[in-house]
Amino acid sequence: GLRVPGAMAAQSVLATAALAVQGLADVHLDGRVTPLSLFALTIGESGMGKSTTDRPILAVVQDVQKAAEVGHRETARRHQAETSAYAQAKAATEKAHREAASAELVAALMALGPEPVRPPEPVYLVSDTTYEGLYRQLRDGRPSVGLFNDEGALFLSGWAMNAENAARTVAGLNRLWDGSPLNRSRAQE
């Protein structure tokens, strides 16, 4: 088989281990709170074994993701049923209080409780994304995700890094990396 440099294999193991724990805690230093994250970049010629190194190590993460996807299907079905029941209860409450004072309607709607919260998507790994896609994944999915890509050119030459989007992508990734709050206001969102 292909022998890869020890440092390359170690970095792959370290990056995968960091992915496994990064969502469990934050780093607290001098009153600052930042994500527990690791950013690793492997540079090597084609054929040096970058993919060969990552593949078996990330297989464990992919197995965890597949198992989470199975559980998520049932959770998503339950959420759909809860959302439907909530919508029916809300409509019935609005109909029953059609003639009531607005304060009474507000109280009745408040008594329904909050709308059901959509379960997060069980995505642990992404390989080809844009800043906007990564933002949505972190907003709607798990609070941490691994961006593993064994072909940097795929990311660097894609839509996210074209002449129009490169500055926005780099600035957005820097905000993610330093733990800055992600406050966005877009017409489409």
C-alpha atoms as a PDB file:
ATOM      1  CA  GLY A   1       0.000   0.000   0.000  1.00  0.00           C
ATOM      2  CA  LEU A   2       0.850   3.657  -0.217  1.00  0.00           C
ATOM      3  CA  ARG A   3       3.002   4.947   2.635  1.00  0.00           C
ATOM      4  CA  VAL A   4       2.224   8.507   3.598  1.00  0.00           C
ATOM      5  CA  PRO A   5       4.369  10.892   5.618  1.00  0.00           C
ATOM      6  CA  GLY A   6       3.775  10.473   9.361  1.00  0.00           C
ATOM      7  CA  ALA A   7       2.996  14.163   9.809  1.00  0.00           C
ATOM      8  CA  MET A   8       0.257  13.950   7.156  1.00  0.00           C
ATOM      9  CA  ALA A   9      -1.359  10.961   8.859  1.00  0.00           C
ATOM     10  CA  ALA A  10      -1.058  12.568  12.301  1.00  0.00           C
ATOM     11  CA  GLN A  11      -2.654  15.786  11.076  1.00  0.00           C
ATOM     12  CA  SER A  12      -5.568  13.857   9.613  1.00  0.00           C
ATOM     13  CA  VAL A  13      -6.108  12.018  12.913  1.00  0.00           C
ATOM     14  CA  LEU A  14      -5.792  15.257  14.903  1.00  0.00           C
ATOM     15  CA  ALA A  15      -8.261  17.114  12.634  1.00  0.00           C
ATOM     16  CA  THR A  16     -10.796  14.294  12.913  1.00  0.00           C
ATOM     17  CA  ALA A  17     -10.386  14.130  16.705  1.00  0.00           C
ATOM     18  CA  ALA A  18     -10.906  17.905  16.876  1.00  0.00           C
ATOM     19  CA  LEU A  19     -14.108  17.518  14.856  1.00  0.00           C
ATOM     20  CA  ALA A  20     -15.323  14.929  17.354  1.00  0.00           C
ATOM     21  CA  VAL A  21     -14.956  17.289  20.330  1.00  0.00           C
ATOM     22  CA  GLN A  22     -15.341  20.796  18.919  1.00  0.00           C
ATOM     23  CA  GLY A  23     -19.073  20.995  19.614  1.00  0.00           C
ATOM     24  CA  LEU A  24     -18.674  19.953  23.249  1.00  0.00           C
ATOM     25  CA  ALA A  25     -16.961  23.022  24.685  1.00  0.00           C
ATOM     26  CA  ASP A  26     -15.588  26.486  23.990  1.00  0.00           C
ATOM     27  CA  VAL A  27     -12.236  27.951  24.957  1.00  0.00           C
ATOM     28  CA  HIS A  28     -12.432  30.552  27.758  1.00  0.00           C
ATOM     29  CA  LEU A  29      -9.322  32.740  27.912  1.00  0.00           C
ATOM     30  CA  ASP A  30      -9.002  36.151  29.556  1.00  0.00           C
ATOM     31  CA  GLY A  31     -12.774  36.675  29.460  1.00  0.00           C
ATOM     32  CA  ARG A  32     -12.953  35.807  25.764  1.00  0.00           C
ATOM     33  CA  VAL A  33     -14.928  32.827  24.514  1.00  0.00           C
ATOM     34  CA  THR A  34     -13.953  31.221  21.227  1.00  0.00           C
ATOM     35  CA  PRO A  35     -14.915  27.942  19.590  1.00  0.00           C
ATOM     36  CA  LEU A  36     -12.810  24.880  20.283  1.00  0.00           C
ATOM     37  CA  SER A  37     -11.713  24.418  16.698  1.00  0.00           C
ATOM     38  CA  LEU A  38      -8.706  23.284  14.751  1.00  0.00           C
ATOM     39  CA  PHE A  39      -7.799  24.537  11.312  1.00  0.00           C
ATOM     40  CA  ALA A  40      -5.432  22.291   9.408  1.00  0.00           C
ATOM     41  CA  LEU A  41      -4.141  22.516   5.876  1.00  0.00           C
ATOM     42  CA  THR A  42      -2.198  19.731   4.223  1.00  0.00           C
ATOM     43  CA  ILE A  43      -0.174  20.733   1.211  1.00  0.00           C
ATOM     44  CA  GLY A  44       1.165  17.998  -0.969  1.00  0.00           C
ATOM     45  CA  GLU A  45       1.619  16.939  -4.542  1.00  0.00           C
ATOM     46  CA  SER A  46      -1.034  14.884  -6.246  1.00  0.00           C
ATOM     47  CA  GLY A  47      -0.578  11.228  -5.360  1.00  0.00           C
ATOM     48  CA  MET A  48       1.108  11.854  -1.988  1.00  0.00           C
ATOM     49  CA  GLY A  49      -1.782  10.211  -0.161  1.00  0.00           C
ATOM     50  CA  LYS A  50      -3.919  13.047   1.193  1.00  0.00           C
ATOM     51  CA  SER A  51      -7.141  11.249   0.207  1.00  0.00           C
ATOM     52  CA  THR A  52      -5.731   7.871   1.188  1.00  0.00           C
ATOM     53  CA  THR A  53      -4.924   9.233   4.639  1.00  0.00           C
ATOM     54  CA  ASP A  54      -8.267  10.944   5.278  1.00  0.00           C
ATOM     55  CA  ARG A  55     -10.527   8.213   3.904  1.00  0.00           C
ATOM     56  CA  PRO A  56     -10.179   5.537   6.652  1.00  0.00           C
ATOM     57  CA  ILE A  57     -10.054   8.087   9.454  1.00  0.00           C
ATOM     58  CA  LEU A  58     -13.150   9.960   8.261  1.00  0.00           C
ATOM     59  CA  ALA A  59     -14.994   6.666   7.684  1.00  0.00           C
ATOM     60  CA  VAL A  60     -15.805   6.619  11.400  1.00  0.00           C
ATOM     61  CA  VAL A  61     -17.337  10.110  11.187  1.00  0.00           C
ATOM     62  CA  GLN A  62     -19.284   9.108   8.086  1.00  0.00           C
ATOM     63  CA  ASP A  63     -20.646   6.049   9.932  1.00  0.00           C
ATOM     64  CA  VAL A  64     -21.772   8.272  12.820  1.00  0.00           C
ATOM     65  CA  GLN A  65     -23.405  10.650  10.332  1.00  0.00           C
ATOM     66  CA  LYS A  66     -25.237   7.792   8.578  1.00  0.00           C
ATOM     67  CA  ALA A  67     -26.554   6.496  11.911  1.00  0.00           C
ATOM     68  CA  ALA A  68     -27.658  10.019  12.867  1.00  0.00           C
ATOM     69  CA  GLU A  69     -29.456  10.370   9.517  1.00  0.00           C
ATOM     70  CA  VAL A  70     -31.496   7.226  10.262  1.00  0.00           C
ATOM     71  CA  GLY A  71     -32.577   8.651  13.624  1.00  0.00           C
ATOM     72  CA  HIS A  72     -33.190  12.039  12.058  1.00  0.00           C
ATOM     73  CA  ARG A  73     -35.744  10.651   9.618  1.00  0.00           C
ATOM     74  CA  GLU A  74     -37.989   9.591  12.515  1.00  0.00           C
ATOM     75  CA  THR A  75     -37.376  12.857  14.368  1.00  0.00           C
ATOM     76  CA  ALA A  76     -38.256  14.817  11.213  1.00  0.00           C
ATOM     77  CA  ARG A  77     -41.485  12.819  10.778  1.00  0.00           C
ATOM     78  CA  ARG A  78     -42.426  13.581  14.392  1.00  0.00           C
ATOM     79  CA  HIS A  79     -41.649  17.271  13.849  1.00  0.00           C
ATOM     80  CA  GLN A  80     -43.889  17.289  10.775  1.00  0.00           C
ATOM     81  CA  ALA A  81     -46.745  15.805  12.817  1.00  0.00           C
ATOM     82  CA  GLU A  82     -46.172  18.275  15.668  1.00  0.00           C
ATOM     83  CA  THR A  83     -46.113  21.192  13.231  1.00  0.00           C
ATOM     84  CA  SER A  84     -49.369  20.044  11.649  1.00  0.00           C
ATOM     85  CA  ALA A  85     -51.027  19.627  15.055  1.00  0.00           C
ATOM     86  CA  TYR A  86     -49.794  23.045  16.145  1.00  0.00           C
ATOM     87  CA  ALA A  87     -51.135  24.689  12.964  1.00  0.00           C
ATOM     88  CA  GLN A  88     -54.549  23.073  13.501  1.00  0.00           C
ATOM     89  CA  ALA A  89     -54.646  24.132  17.158  1.00  0.00           C
ATOM     90  CA  LYS A  90     -53.655  27.677  16.197  1.00  0.00           C
ATOM     91  CA  ALA A  91     -56.337  27.876  13.517  1.00  0.00           C
ATOM     92  CA  ALA A  92     -58.948  26.562  15.951  1.00  0.00           C
ATOM     93  CA  THR A  93     -57.866  29.066  18.596  1.00  0.00           C
ATOM     94  CA  GLU A  94     -58.049  31.948  16.125  1.00  0.00           C
ATOM     95  CA  LYS A  95     -61.488  30.813  14.976  1.00  0.00           C
ATOM     96  CA  ALA A  96     -62.771  30.450  18.551  1.00  0.00           C
ATOM     97  CA  HIS A  97     -61.551  33.922  19.463  1.00  0.00           C
ATOM     98  CA  ARG A  98     -62.519  35.670  16.235  1.00  0.00           C
ATOM     99  CA  GLU A  99     -64.945  37.983  18.053  1.00  0.00           C
ATOM    100  CA  ALA A 100     -62.845  38.350  21.235  1.00  0.00           C
ATOM    101  CA  ALA A 101     -60.690  41.278  22.233  1.00  0.00           C
ATOM    102  CA  SER A 102     -57.156  41.156  20.879  1.00  0.00           C
ATOM    103  CA  ALA A 103     -55.685  40.690  24.385  1.00  0.00           C
ATOM    104  CA  GLU A 104     -57.834  37.560  24.834  1.00  0.00           C
ATOM    105  CA  LEU A 105     -56.677  36.191  21.477  1.00  0.00           C
ATOM    106  CA  VAL A 106     -53.047  36.918  22.356  1.00  0.00           C
ATOM    107  CA  ALA A 107     -53.450  35.123  25.691  1.00  0.00           C
ATOM    108  CA  ALA A 108     -55.058  32.114  23.993  1.00  0.00           C
ATOM    109  CA  LEU A 109     -52.277  31.952  21.383  1.00  0.00           C
ATOM    110  CA  MET A 110     -49.626  32.290  24.074  1.00  0.00           C
ATOM    111  CA  ALA A 111     -51.247  29.377  25.918  1.00  0.00           C
ATOM    112  CA  LEU A 112     -50.555  27.193  22.869  1.00  0.00           C
ATOM    113  CA  GLY A 113     -46.853  27.490  23.573  1.00  0.00           C
ATOM    114  CA  PRO A 114     -44.078  27.920  21.052  1.00  0.00           C
ATOM    115  CA  GLU A 115     -44.174  26.436  17.585  1.00  0.00           C
ATOM    116  CA  PRO A 116     -42.314  23.124  17.323  1.00  0.00           C
ATOM    117  CA  VAL A 117     -38.605  23.564  16.648  1.00  0.00           C
ATOM    118  CA  ARG A 118     -37.227  21.833  13.600  1.00  0.00           C
ATOM    119  CA  PRO A 119     -34.619  19.215  14.508  1.00  0.00           C
ATOM    120  CA  PRO A 120     -31.092  20.038  13.344  1.00  0.00           C
ATOM    121  CA  GLU A 121     -29.783  18.306  10.241  1.00  0.00           C
ATOM    122  CA  PRO A 122     -27.259  15.625  11.253  1.00  0.00           C
ATOM    123  CA  VAL A 123     -24.402  16.819   9.043  1.00  0.00           C
ATOM    124  CA  TYR A 124     -20.934  16.308  10.452  1.00  0.00           C
ATOM    125  CA  LEU A 125     -18.864  16.691   7.275  1.00  0.00           C
ATOM    126  CA  VAL A 126     -18.980  18.966   4.247  1.00  0.00           C
ATOM    127  CA  SER A 127     -16.494  18.991   1.405  1.00  0.00           C
ATOM    128  CA  ASP A 128     -17.707  21.534  -1.132  1.00  0.00           C
ATOM    129  CA  THR A 129     -19.560  24.579   0.150  1.00  0.00           C
ATOM    130  CA  THR A 130     -19.923  28.322   0.016  1.00  0.00           C
ATOM    131  CA  TYR A 131     -19.793  30.644   3.003  1.00  0.00           C
ATOM    132  CA  GLU A 132     -23.576  31.038   2.762  1.00  0.00           C
ATOM    133  CA  GLY A 133     -24.038  27.263   2.684  1.00  0.00           C
ATOM    134  CA  LEU A 134     -21.762  26.827   5.682  1.00  0.00           C
ATOM    135  CA  TYR A 135     -23.620  29.602   7.523  1.00  0.00           C
ATOM    136  CA  ARG A 136     -26.977  27.904   6.862  1.00  0.00           C
ATOM    137  CA  GLN A 137     -25.558  24.566   7.950  1.00  0.00           C
ATOM    138  CA  LEU A 138     -24.363  26.003  11.252  1.00  0.00           C
ATOM    139  CA  ARG A 139     -27.611  27.934  11.745  1.00  0.00           C
ATOM    140  CA  ASP A 140     -29.988  25.067  10.932  1.00  0.00           C
ATOM    141  CA  GLY A 141     -27.851  22.046  11.676  1.00  0.00           C
ATOM    142  CA  ARG A 142     -25.373  20.957  14.266  1.00  0.00           C
ATOM    143  CA  PRO A 143     -23.366  23.676  16.040  1.00  0.00           C
ATOM    144  CA  SER A 144     -20.142  22.340  14.566  1.00  0.00           C
ATOM    145  CA  VAL A 145     -19.156  20.829  11.248  1.00  0.00           C
ATOM    146  CA  GLY A 146     -15.971  19.622   9.614  1.00  0.00           C
ATOM    147  CA  LEU A 147     -14.964  21.091   6.269  1.00  0.00           C
ATOM    148  CA  PHE A 148     -12.732  18.342   4.876  1.00  0.00           C
ATOM    149  CA  ASN A 149     -11.699  18.592   1.255  1.00  0.00           C
ATOM    150  CA  ASP A 150      -8.897  16.543  -0.237  1.00  0.00           C
ATOM    151  CA  GLU A 151      -8.866  18.666  -3.368  1.00  0.00           C
ATOM    152  CA  GLY A 152      -8.360  22.310  -2.404  1.00  0.00           C
ATOM    153  CA  ALA A 153      -8.749  23.413  -6.006  1.00  0.00           C
ATOM    154  CA  LEU A 154     -12.398  22.312  -5.860  1.00  0.00           C
ATOM    155  CA  PHE A 155     -13.067  24.874  -3.135  1.00  0.00           C
ATOM    156  CA  LEU A 156     -10.599  27.544  -4.255  1.00  0.00           C
ATOM    157  CA  SER A 157     -11.747  27.560  -7.878  1.00  0.00           C
ATOM    158  CA  GLY A 158     -15.474  27.234  -7.209  1.00  0.00           C
ATOM    159  CA  TRP A 159     -18.262  29.787  -6.904  1.00  0.00           C
ATOM    160  CA  ALA A 160     -17.245  30.767  -3.368  1.00  0.00           C
ATOM    161  CA  MET A 161     -13.837  31.978  -4.505  1.00  0.00           C
ATOM    162  CA  ASN A 162     -14.608  33.553  -7.887  1.00  0.00           C
ATOM    163  CA  ALA A 163     -13.696  37.219  -8.405  1.00  0.00           C
ATOM    164  CA  GLU A 164     -17.074  38.465  -7.121  1.00  0.00           C
ATOM    165  CA  ASN A 165     -17.297  36.257  -4.047  1.00  0.00           C
ATOM    166  CA  ALA A 166     -13.738  35.681  -2.816  1.00  0.00           C
ATOM    167  CA  ALA A 167     -13.574  38.670  -0.442  1.00  0.00           C
ATOM    168  CA  ARG A 168     -16.991  37.858   1.070  1.00  0.00           C
ATOM    169  CA  THR A 169     -16.085  34.183   1.458  1.00  0.00           C
ATOM    170  CA  VAL A 170     -12.742  34.891   3.119  1.00  0.00           C
ATOM    171  CA  ALA A 171     -14.246  37.534   5.420  1.00  0.00           C
ATOM    172  CA  GLY A 172     -17.104  35.194   6.359  1.00  0.00           C
ATOM    173  CA  LEU A 173     -14.768  32.277   7.054  1.00  0.00           C
ATOM    174  CA  ASN A 174     -12.594  34.541   9.207  1.00  0.00           C
ATOM    175  CA  ARG A 175     -15.652  35.472  11.273  1.00  0.00           C
ATOM    176  CA  LEU A 176     -16.482  31.778  11.709  1.00  0.00           C
ATOM    177  CA  TRP A 177     -12.902  30.959  12.659  1.00  0.00           C
ATOM    178  CA  ASP A 178     -12.541  33.677  15.280  1.00  0.00           C
ATOM    179  CA  GLY A 179     -15.890  32.914  16.900  1.00  0.00           C
ATOM    180  CA  SER A 180     -17.518  36.251  16.055  1.00  0.00           C
ATOM    181  CA  PRO A 181     -21.319  36.312  16.190  1.00  0.00           C
ATOM    182  CA  LEU A 182     -22.973  35.567  12.860  1.00  0.00           C
ATOM    183  CA  ASN A 183     -25.575  38.271  12.452  1.00  0.00           C
ATOM    184  CA  ARG A 184     -27.028  38.295   8.972  1.00  0.00           C
ATOM    185  CA  SER A 185     -29.953  40.057   7.417  1.00  0.00           C
ATOM    186  CA  ARG A 186     -30.683  39.048   3.861  1.00  0.00           C
ATOM    187  CA  ALA A 187     -33.795  39.517   1.757  1.00  0.00           C
ATOM    188  CA  GLN A 188     -33.890  35.798   0.890  1.00  0.00           C
ATOM    189  CA  GLU A 189     -33.627  34.641   4.521  1.00  0.00           C
END
